[in-house]
N, C-alpha and C. Protein backbone atom coordinates (compact mmCIF):
# COMPACT_ATOMS: atom_id res chain seq x y z
N MET A 1 118.39 61.44 141.94
CA MET A 1 117.60 62.63 142.17
C MET A 1 118.37 63.67 142.98
N ALA A 2 119.29 63.23 143.80
CA ALA A 2 120.06 64.17 144.61
C ALA A 2 120.91 65.07 143.71
N ASP A 3 121.26 64.58 142.53
CA ASP A 3 122.05 65.40 141.61
C ASP A 3 121.26 66.62 141.14
N LEU A 4 119.93 66.47 141.01
CA LEU A 4 119.12 67.60 140.59
C LEU A 4 119.15 68.72 141.62
N ILE A 5 119.08 68.37 142.89
CA ILE A 5 119.13 69.39 143.93
C ILE A 5 120.52 70.03 143.97
N GLY A 6 121.55 69.23 143.79
CA GLY A 6 122.91 69.78 143.75
C GLY A 6 123.09 70.76 142.60
N LEU A 7 122.55 70.40 141.43
CA LEU A 7 122.63 71.31 140.29
C LEU A 7 121.80 72.57 140.52
N ALA A 8 120.65 72.42 141.14
CA ALA A 8 119.81 73.59 141.42
C ALA A 8 120.52 74.55 142.36
N ILE A 9 121.17 74.01 143.38
CA ILE A 9 121.92 74.86 144.32
C ILE A 9 123.09 75.53 143.60
N LEU A 10 123.76 74.79 142.73
CA LEU A 10 124.87 75.35 141.96
C LEU A 10 124.40 76.52 141.10
N PHE A 11 123.28 76.34 140.38
CA PHE A 11 122.77 77.42 139.54
C PHE A 11 122.26 78.58 140.37
N LEU A 12 121.72 78.31 141.56
CA LEU A 12 121.29 79.39 142.44
C LEU A 12 122.48 80.23 142.89
N ILE A 13 123.57 79.57 143.27
CA ILE A 13 124.78 80.30 143.67
C ILE A 13 125.35 81.08 142.49
N LEU A 14 125.34 80.46 141.31
CA LEU A 14 125.81 81.15 140.10
C LEU A 14 124.97 82.38 139.83
N ALA A 15 123.65 82.28 140.01
CA ALA A 15 122.76 83.41 139.79
C ALA A 15 123.04 84.53 140.78
N LEU A 16 123.26 84.17 142.05
CA LEU A 16 123.55 85.19 143.06
C LEU A 16 124.87 85.90 142.78
N VAL A 17 125.90 85.15 142.40
CA VAL A 17 127.20 85.75 142.08
C VAL A 17 127.08 86.64 140.86
N ALA A 18 126.37 86.17 139.84
CA ALA A 18 126.21 86.98 138.63
C ALA A 18 125.43 88.26 138.92
N PHE A 19 124.44 88.17 139.80
CA PHE A 19 123.66 89.36 140.16
C PHE A 19 124.53 90.38 140.89
N VAL A 20 125.37 89.88 141.81
CA VAL A 20 126.26 90.78 142.55
C VAL A 20 127.26 91.45 141.61
N LEU A 21 127.73 90.71 140.61
CA LEU A 21 128.70 91.26 139.68
C LEU A 21 128.05 92.12 138.59
N GLY A 22 126.72 92.15 138.55
CA GLY A 22 126.04 93.03 137.62
C GLY A 22 125.59 92.38 136.33
N ALA A 23 125.78 91.08 136.17
CA ALA A 23 125.35 90.39 134.96
C ALA A 23 123.93 89.87 135.17
N LYS A 24 122.97 90.78 135.03
CA LYS A 24 121.58 90.43 135.36
C LYS A 24 120.98 89.44 134.36
N GLY A 25 121.42 89.45 133.12
CA GLY A 25 120.93 88.49 132.13
C GLY A 25 121.33 87.08 132.50
N VAL A 26 122.59 86.90 132.87
CA VAL A 26 123.08 85.58 133.29
C VAL A 26 122.42 85.16 134.58
N ALA A 27 122.21 86.11 135.49
CA ALA A 27 121.57 85.80 136.76
C ALA A 27 120.14 85.33 136.55
N GLY A 28 119.42 85.99 135.69
CA GLY A 28 118.04 85.59 135.42
C GLY A 28 117.96 84.23 134.77
N PHE A 29 118.85 83.98 133.81
CA PHE A 29 118.87 82.69 133.13
C PHE A 29 119.23 81.57 134.10
N SER A 30 120.22 81.80 134.96
CA SER A 30 120.63 80.78 135.94
C SER A 30 119.51 80.53 136.95
N MET A 31 118.80 81.57 137.33
CA MET A 31 117.70 81.41 138.27
C MET A 31 116.56 80.61 137.64
N THR A 32 116.32 80.83 136.36
CA THR A 32 115.29 80.07 135.65
C THR A 32 115.66 78.59 135.60
N ILE A 33 116.91 78.29 135.32
CA ILE A 33 117.37 76.90 135.28
C ILE A 33 117.23 76.28 136.66
N ALA A 34 117.63 77.00 137.70
CA ALA A 34 117.53 76.48 139.07
C ALA A 34 116.07 76.20 139.43
N LYS A 35 115.18 77.10 139.04
CA LYS A 35 113.75 76.93 139.34
C LYS A 35 113.21 75.67 138.66
N TRP A 36 113.55 75.46 137.39
CA TRP A 36 113.07 74.27 136.69
C TRP A 36 113.67 72.99 137.26
N LEU A 37 114.92 73.02 137.67
CA LEU A 37 115.52 71.83 138.28
C LEU A 37 114.82 71.46 139.58
N VAL A 38 114.45 72.45 140.37
CA VAL A 38 113.72 72.19 141.62
C VAL A 38 112.34 71.63 141.31
N ILE A 39 111.67 72.17 140.30
CA ILE A 39 110.35 71.66 139.93
C ILE A 39 110.44 70.22 139.46
N ILE A 40 111.43 69.91 138.63
CA ILE A 40 111.61 68.53 138.16
C ILE A 40 111.91 67.61 139.33
N PHE A 41 112.74 68.07 140.27
CA PHE A 41 113.05 67.26 141.44
C PHE A 41 111.79 66.95 142.24
N ILE A 42 110.96 67.96 142.47
CA ILE A 42 109.74 67.75 143.25
C ILE A 42 108.80 66.78 142.55
N VAL A 43 108.65 66.92 141.23
CA VAL A 43 107.79 66.00 140.48
C VAL A 43 108.31 64.58 140.57
N LEU A 44 109.61 64.39 140.39
CA LEU A 44 110.19 63.05 140.46
C LEU A 44 110.09 62.47 141.88
N ALA A 45 110.24 63.32 142.89
CA ALA A 45 110.12 62.85 144.27
C ALA A 45 108.70 62.39 144.56
N VAL A 46 107.70 63.13 144.08
CA VAL A 46 106.31 62.74 144.29
C VAL A 46 106.00 61.43 143.55
N VAL A 47 106.47 61.31 142.32
CA VAL A 47 106.24 60.08 141.55
C VAL A 47 106.92 58.89 142.24
N ALA A 48 108.13 59.07 142.73
CA ALA A 48 108.83 57.99 143.42
C ALA A 48 108.13 57.63 144.72
N PHE A 49 107.55 58.62 145.39
CA PHE A 49 106.83 58.35 146.63
C PHE A 49 105.56 57.57 146.37
N LEU A 50 104.89 57.86 145.28
CA LEU A 50 103.63 57.20 144.96
C LEU A 50 103.82 55.78 144.43
N LEU A 51 104.97 55.51 143.84
CA LEU A 51 105.19 54.16 143.28
C LEU A 51 105.68 53.19 144.30
């Protein structure tokens, strides 16, 4: 599960760099991926906590 957070941080940094460089399409897509990875991480963490 720690890999999901690492990937989410990676995509967040990629989105910030792309935004600064002016590639707003890539930034938005990377931010969407980062958001979904965080959501999946939270769901898996809750399921693991409950089991």
